[in-house]
Amino acid sequence: MKTADRDSFRAFLGWSVAGAAGCFGVLSLPSLGPFVLLGALLLGAWLWSVFALGWALGGLLAGAAPPVLYVAWLNRDGPGEICTSTATSQTCGEESSPWPLLVAAIMLLVAGVVVFSRRRPD
């Protein structure tokens, strides 16, 4: 296999999907997580057999950014206790600060792109 194949943009996108699935699986561990992690593991094994390991593996980092960004979005009203009211009920919940999660998502995305951009052209 040529180095260009394992460092291609297709390989980066594939590893990004595997990274997103793995991160989502960890974040949803009590419910769907084990099934999603199994799918991410199978996808990673298939990607490894097709593309081998290369600089496109940075897609794992970049792919983990969207699930972390989604958790930051869910906590956008935090930190603190947030209450929502309807005509018949009121519910309250504790939210954390979204800023550390936003910074982590940006760092994951930048790190993945930087790793992928380090590939050597043939």
N, C-alpha and C. Protein backbone atom coordinates (compact mmCIF):
# COMPACT_ATOMS: atom_id res chain seq x y z
N MET A 1 0.84 -1.18 0.00
CA MET A 1 0.00 0.00 0.00
C MET A 1 0.88 1.24 0.00
N LYS A 2 0.50 2.19 -0.82
CA LYS A 2 1.25 3.43 -0.89
C LYS A 2 0.96 4.29 0.33
N THR A 3 1.93 5.11 0.67
CA THR A 3 1.76 6.03 1.79
C THR A 3 0.63 7.01 1.52
N ALA A 4 0.46 7.38 0.26
CA ALA A 4 -0.59 8.35 -0.09
C ALA A 4 -1.97 7.80 0.26
N ASP A 5 -2.18 6.49 0.14
CA ASP A 5 -3.48 5.91 0.46
C ASP A 5 -3.79 6.06 1.95
N ARG A 6 -2.83 5.75 2.79
CA ARG A 6 -3.09 5.81 4.22
C ARG A 6 -3.10 7.24 4.75
N ASP A 7 -2.60 8.18 3.96
CA ASP A 7 -2.61 9.59 4.35
C ASP A 7 -3.59 10.41 3.53
N SER A 8 -4.55 9.75 2.90
CA SER A 8 -5.50 10.45 2.04
C SER A 8 -6.59 11.12 2.86
N PHE A 9 -7.31 12.02 2.20
CA PHE A 9 -8.42 12.70 2.87
C PHE A 9 -9.54 11.71 3.18
N ARG A 10 -9.73 10.70 2.33
CA ARG A 10 -10.72 9.65 2.60
C ARG A 10 -10.39 8.92 3.89
N ALA A 11 -9.12 8.61 4.08
CA ALA A 11 -8.70 7.94 5.31
C ALA A 11 -8.95 8.84 6.52
N PHE A 12 -8.65 10.14 6.37
CA PHE A 12 -8.88 11.09 7.46
C PHE A 12 -10.37 11.15 7.82
N LEU A 13 -11.24 11.19 6.81
CA LEU A 13 -12.68 11.21 7.08
C LEU A 13 -13.14 9.92 7.77
N GLY A 14 -12.61 8.79 7.32
CA GLY A 14 -12.97 7.52 7.95
C GLY A 14 -12.55 7.47 9.41
N TRP A 15 -11.33 7.89 9.69
CA TRP A 15 -10.86 7.90 11.08
C TRP A 15 -11.62 8.93 11.89
N SER A 16 -12.08 10.03 11.25
CA SER A 16 -12.89 11.02 11.96
C SER A 16 -14.22 10.42 12.40
N VAL A 17 -14.85 9.64 11.53
CA VAL A 17 -16.11 8.99 11.89
C VAL A 17 -15.88 8.01 13.05
N ALA A 18 -14.77 7.27 12.98
CA ALA A 18 -14.45 6.34 14.07
C ALA A 18 -14.20 7.09 15.37
N GLY A 19 -13.53 8.24 15.30
CA GLY A 19 -13.28 9.04 16.50
C GLY A 19 -14.56 9.61 17.08
N ALA A 20 -15.46 10.06 16.20
CA ALA A 20 -16.75 10.59 16.68
C ALA A 20 -17.57 9.48 17.33
N ALA A 21 -17.58 8.32 16.71
CA ALA A 21 -18.34 7.20 17.28
C ALA A 21 -17.75 6.77 18.62
N GLY A 22 -16.43 6.72 18.71
CA GLY A 22 -15.79 6.34 19.96
C GLY A 22 -16.07 7.33 21.07
N CYS A 23 -16.00 8.62 20.75
CA CYS A 23 -16.27 9.65 21.76
C CYS A 23 -17.74 9.62 22.17
N PHE A 24 -18.63 9.48 21.21
CA PHE A 24 -20.05 9.39 21.54
C PHE A 24 -20.34 8.15 22.37
N GLY A 25 -19.66 7.05 22.06
CA GLY A 25 -19.84 5.83 22.84
C GLY A 25 -19.42 6.00 24.29
N VAL A 26 -18.32 6.70 24.50
CA VAL A 26 -17.86 6.94 25.87
C VAL A 26 -18.81 7.88 26.60
N LEU A 27 -19.29 8.91 25.91
CA LEU A 27 -20.19 9.87 26.54
C LEU A 27 -21.55 9.26 26.87
N SER A 28 -21.96 8.25 26.10
CA SER A 28 -23.27 7.63 26.33
C SER A 28 -23.13 6.22 26.89
N LEU A 29 -22.08 5.99 27.65
CA LEU A 29 -21.77 4.65 28.16
C LEU A 29 -22.91 3.98 28.91
N PRO A 30 -23.66 4.66 29.75
CA PRO A 30 -24.73 3.96 30.49
C PRO A 30 -25.89 3.48 29.61
N SER A 31 -26.04 4.02 28.41
CA SER A 31 -27.19 3.61 27.60
C SER A 31 -26.74 2.91 26.32
N LEU A 32 -26.53 3.64 25.25
CA LEU A 32 -26.15 3.05 23.97
C LEU A 32 -24.65 2.87 23.80
N GLY A 33 -23.88 3.40 24.71
CA GLY A 33 -22.44 3.44 24.59
C GLY A 33 -21.75 2.15 24.20
N PRO A 34 -22.03 1.03 24.86
CA PRO A 34 -21.32 -0.20 24.50
C PRO A 34 -21.54 -0.62 23.04
N PHE A 35 -22.74 -0.41 22.54
CA PHE A 35 -23.02 -0.79 21.15
C PHE A 35 -22.31 0.15 20.17
N VAL A 36 -22.29 1.43 20.50
CA VAL A 36 -21.61 2.41 19.65
C VAL A 36 -20.10 2.16 19.69
N LEU A 37 -19.57 1.85 20.88
CA LEU A 37 -18.14 1.55 20.99
C LEU A 37 -17.77 0.31 20.19
N LEU A 38 -18.64 -0.69 20.19
CA LEU A 38 -18.38 -1.88 19.39
C LEU A 38 -18.35 -1.52 17.91
N GLY A 39 -19.29 -0.70 17.47
CA GLY A 39 -19.28 -0.25 16.08
C GLY A 39 -18.04 0.55 15.74
N ALA A 40 -17.61 1.43 16.66
CA ALA A 40 -16.40 2.21 16.44
C ALA A 40 -15.17 1.31 16.36
N LEU A 41 -15.13 0.29 17.19
CA LEU A 41 -14.02 -0.66 17.17
C LEU A 41 -13.98 -1.43 15.86
N LEU A 42 -15.14 -1.88 15.40
CA LEU A 42 -15.20 -2.59 14.11
C LEU A 42 -14.81 -1.67 12.96
N LEU A 43 -15.29 -0.43 12.99
CA LEU A 43 -14.91 0.52 11.95
C LEU A 43 -13.41 0.78 11.98
N GLY A 44 -12.85 0.94 13.17
CA GLY A 44 -11.40 1.15 13.28
C GLY A 44 -10.61 -0.04 12.76
N ALA A 45 -11.06 -1.25 13.03
CA ALA A 45 -10.37 -2.43 12.52
C ALA A 45 -10.44 -2.48 11.00
N TRP A 46 -11.60 -2.14 10.46
CA TRP A 46 -11.73 -2.12 9.00
C TRP A 46 -10.85 -1.04 8.38
N LEU A 47 -10.83 0.15 8.98
CA LEU A 47 -9.99 1.23 8.47
C LEU A 47 -8.51 0.86 8.54
N TRP A 48 -8.14 0.18 9.61
CA TRP A 48 -6.76 -0.24 9.76
C TRP A 48 -6.38 -1.23 8.66
N SER A 49 -7.31 -2.13 8.32
CA SER A 49 -7.02 -3.12 7.28
C SER A 49 -7.00 -2.50 5.89
N VAL A 50 -7.78 -1.43 5.68
CA VAL A 50 -7.83 -0.81 4.35
C VAL A 50 -6.75 0.25 4.18
N PHE A 51 -6.59 1.13 5.17
CA PHE A 51 -5.68 2.26 5.02
C PHE A 51 -4.39 2.14 5.80
N ALA A 52 -4.28 1.19 6.70
CA ALA A 52 -3.12 1.06 7.60
C ALA A 52 -3.04 2.31 8.47
N LEU A 53 -1.95 2.48 9.16
CA LEU A 53 -1.79 3.62 10.05
C LEU A 53 -0.93 4.68 9.38
N GLY A 54 -1.38 5.89 9.46
CA GLY A 54 -0.66 7.01 8.86
C GLY A 54 -1.05 8.30 9.54
N TRP A 55 -0.72 9.40 8.90
CA TRP A 55 -1.02 10.70 9.47
C TRP A 55 -2.52 10.97 9.51
N ALA A 56 -3.30 10.26 8.70
CA ALA A 56 -4.76 10.43 8.71
C ALA A 56 -5.37 9.96 10.02
N LEU A 57 -4.60 9.28 10.83
CA LEU A 57 -5.08 8.85 12.14
C LEU A 57 -5.43 10.04 13.03
N GLY A 58 -4.98 11.22 12.66
CA GLY A 58 -5.37 12.44 13.36
C GLY A 58 -6.87 12.67 13.31
N GLY A 59 -7.53 12.00 12.38
CA GLY A 59 -8.98 12.08 12.30
C GLY A 59 -9.66 11.59 13.56
N LEU A 60 -9.02 10.71 14.31
CA LEU A 60 -9.59 10.27 15.59
C LEU A 60 -9.76 11.44 16.53
N LEU A 61 -8.77 12.32 16.56
CA LEU A 61 -8.86 13.51 17.41
C LEU A 61 -9.91 14.48 16.88
N ALA A 62 -9.86 14.76 15.59
CA ALA A 62 -10.81 15.71 15.00
C ALA A 62 -12.23 15.19 15.10
N GLY A 63 -12.41 13.89 14.97
CA GLY A 63 -13.75 13.31 15.06
C GLY A 63 -14.34 13.35 16.45
N ALA A 64 -13.49 13.41 17.46
CA ALA A 64 -14.00 13.47 18.83
C ALA A 64 -14.53 14.85 19.17
N ALA A 65 -14.25 15.85 18.35
CA ALA A 65 -14.67 17.22 18.65
C ALA A 65 -16.19 17.42 18.59
N PRO A 66 -16.92 16.92 17.58
CA PRO A 66 -18.37 17.18 17.53
C PRO A 66 -19.16 16.65 18.73
N PRO A 67 -18.92 15.43 19.23
CA PRO A 67 -19.67 15.03 20.42
C PRO A 67 -19.38 15.91 21.64
N VAL A 68 -18.14 16.32 21.81
CA VAL A 68 -17.79 17.20 22.94
C VAL A 68 -18.45 18.57 22.75
N LEU A 69 -18.48 19.05 21.52
CA LEU A 69 -19.14 20.31 21.22
C LEU A 69 -20.64 20.22 21.49
N TYR A 70 -21.23 19.07 21.20
CA TYR A 70 -22.66 18.88 21.47
C TYR A 70 -22.95 18.92 22.98
N VAL A 71 -22.08 18.32 23.77
CA VAL A 71 -22.26 18.37 25.22
C VAL A 71 -22.11 19.81 25.72
N ALA A 72 -21.19 20.57 25.12
CA ALA A 72 -21.07 21.98 25.48
C ALA A 72 -22.35 22.73 25.12
N TRP A 73 -22.94 22.41 23.98
CA TRP A 73 -24.20 23.04 23.57
C TRP A 73 -25.33 22.71 24.55
N LEU A 74 -25.38 21.47 25.00
CA LEU A 74 -26.41 21.08 25.95
C LEU A 74 -26.30 21.84 27.27
N ASN A 75 -25.09 22.25 27.62
CA ASN A 75 -24.84 22.99 28.86
C ASN A 75 -24.73 24.49 28.63
N ARG A 76 -25.26 24.99 27.53
CA ARG A 76 -25.06 26.38 27.14
C ARG A 76 -25.64 27.39 28.14
N ASP A 77 -26.59 26.98 28.96
CA ASP A 77 -27.17 27.90 29.93
C ASP A 77 -26.46 27.86 31.28
N GLY A 78 -25.49 26.97 31.42
CA GLY A 78 -24.81 26.80 32.70
C GLY A 78 -23.75 27.85 32.92
N PRO A 79 -23.09 27.83 34.03
CA PRO A 79 -23.18 26.86 35.11
C PRO A 79 -24.29 27.21 36.10
N GLY A 80 -24.70 26.19 36.81
CA GLY A 80 -25.69 26.40 37.86
C GLY A 80 -26.97 25.64 37.63
N GLU A 81 -27.93 25.93 38.47
CA GLU A 81 -29.23 25.27 38.37
C GLU A 81 -30.09 26.03 37.38
N ILE A 82 -30.60 25.33 36.39
CA ILE A 82 -31.40 25.92 35.33
C ILE A 82 -32.81 25.34 35.42
N CYS A 83 -33.79 26.19 35.46
CA CYS A 83 -35.18 25.76 35.56
C CYS A 83 -35.95 26.16 34.30
N THR A 84 -36.78 25.26 33.83
CA THR A 84 -37.67 25.55 32.71
C THR A 84 -39.10 25.33 33.16
N SER A 85 -39.97 26.22 32.71
CA SER A 85 -41.37 26.16 33.13
C SER A 85 -42.28 26.00 31.92
N THR A 86 -43.33 25.24 32.11
CA THR A 86 -44.41 25.14 31.15
C THR A 86 -45.68 25.59 31.86
N ALA A 87 -46.80 25.49 31.19
CA ALA A 87 -48.06 25.92 31.80
C ALA A 87 -48.45 25.04 32.98
N THR A 88 -47.98 23.79 32.99
CA THR A 88 -48.41 22.86 34.04
C THR A 88 -47.30 22.36 34.95
N SER A 89 -46.04 22.62 34.59
CA SER A 89 -44.97 22.06 35.43
C SER A 89 -43.71 22.92 35.35
N GLN A 90 -42.82 22.62 36.25
CA GLN A 90 -41.51 23.26 36.26
C GLN A 90 -40.46 22.18 36.54
N THR A 91 -39.40 22.17 35.75
CA THR A 91 -38.32 21.21 35.96
C THR A 91 -37.01 21.98 36.11
N CYS A 92 -36.17 21.48 36.99
CA CYS A 92 -34.88 22.12 37.22
C CYS A 92 -33.78 21.07 37.07
N GLY A 93 -32.64 21.51 36.61
CA GLY A 93 -31.49 20.63 36.46
C GLY A 93 -30.20 21.41 36.61
N GLU A 94 -29.16 20.70 36.95
CA GLU A 94 -27.85 21.30 37.15
C GLU A 94 -27.06 21.20 35.84
N GLU A 95 -26.49 22.31 35.41
CA GLU A 95 -25.66 22.33 34.21
C GLU A 95 -24.27 22.83 34.57
N SER A 96 -23.29 22.28 33.87
CA SER A 96 -21.92 22.73 34.09
C SER A 96 -21.59 23.85 33.10
N SER A 97 -20.44 24.43 33.27
CA SER A 97 -20.02 25.50 32.38
C SER A 97 -19.66 24.91 31.01
N PRO A 98 -20.15 25.51 29.93
CA PRO A 98 -19.83 24.98 28.60
C PRO A 98 -18.45 25.38 28.11
N TRP A 99 -17.83 26.35 28.73
CA TRP A 99 -16.57 26.88 28.21
C TRP A 99 -15.41 25.88 28.22
N PRO A 100 -15.20 25.11 29.28
CA PRO A 100 -14.11 24.11 29.19
C PRO A 100 -14.36 23.07 28.10
N LEU A 101 -15.61 22.71 27.90
CA LEU A 101 -15.93 21.74 26.85
C LEU A 101 -15.72 22.35 25.47
N LEU A 102 -16.07 23.61 25.31
CA LEU A 102 -15.85 24.28 24.04
C LEU A 102 -14.37 24.36 23.71
N VAL A 103 -13.57 24.72 24.72
CA VAL A 103 -12.11 24.78 24.51
C VAL A 103 -11.56 23.40 24.17
N ALA A 104 -12.04 22.35 24.84
CA ALA A 104 -11.57 20.99 24.56
C ALA A 104 -11.95 20.58 23.14
N ALA A 105 -13.16 20.92 22.69
CA ALA A 105 -13.58 20.57 21.33
C ALA A 105 -12.72 21.28 20.29
N ILE A 106 -12.44 22.55 20.52
CA ILE A 106 -11.60 23.30 19.58
C ILE A 106 -10.19 22.72 19.56
N MET A 107 -9.66 22.38 20.73
CA MET A 107 -8.31 21.81 20.78
C MET A 107 -8.24 20.45 20.08
N LEU A 108 -9.27 19.63 20.25
CA LEU A 108 -9.30 18.34 19.57
C LEU A 108 -9.33 18.52 18.06
N LEU A 109 -10.16 19.43 17.58
CA LEU A 109 -10.27 19.66 16.15
C LEU A 109 -8.95 20.19 15.58
N VAL A 110 -8.37 21.17 16.24
CA VAL A 110 -7.10 21.75 15.76
C VAL A 110 -5.99 20.70 15.80
N ALA A 111 -5.91 19.94 16.87
CA ALA A 111 -4.87 18.91 16.97
C ALA A 111 -5.01 17.87 15.87
N GLY A 112 -6.24 17.44 15.58
CA GLY A 112 -6.44 16.46 14.52
C GLY A 112 -6.05 16.99 13.16
N VAL A 113 -6.40 18.23 12.88
CA VAL A 113 -6.05 18.83 11.58
C VAL A 113 -4.55 19.04 11.48
N VAL A 114 -3.91 19.44 12.57
CA VAL A 114 -2.45 19.64 12.56
C VAL A 114 -1.74 18.31 12.33
N VAL A 115 -2.18 17.26 12.99
CA VAL A 115 -1.57 15.95 12.79
C VAL A 115 -1.73 15.52 11.34
N PHE A 116 -2.92 15.69 10.79
CA PHE A 116 -3.16 15.29 9.39
C PHE A 116 -2.34 16.14 8.44
N SER A 117 -2.16 17.42 8.72
CA SER A 117 -1.42 18.28 7.82
C SER A 117 0.08 17.99 7.84
N ARG A 118 0.55 17.22 8.80
CA ARG A 118 1.97 16.86 8.88
C ARG A 118 2.35 15.77 7.88
N ARG A 119 1.36 15.23 7.17
CA ARG A 119 1.66 14.13 6.23
C ARG A 119 2.66 14.58 5.19
N ARG A 120 3.39 13.62 4.73
CA ARG A 120 4.45 13.91 3.75
C ARG A 120 3.90 13.62 2.35
N PRO A 121 4.00 14.58 1.45
CA PRO A 121 3.56 14.31 0.08
C PRO A 121 4.52 13.36 -0.62
N ASP A 122 3.97 12.54 -1.49
CA ASP A 122 4.84 11.60 -2.24
C ASP A 122 5.44 12.25 -3.45
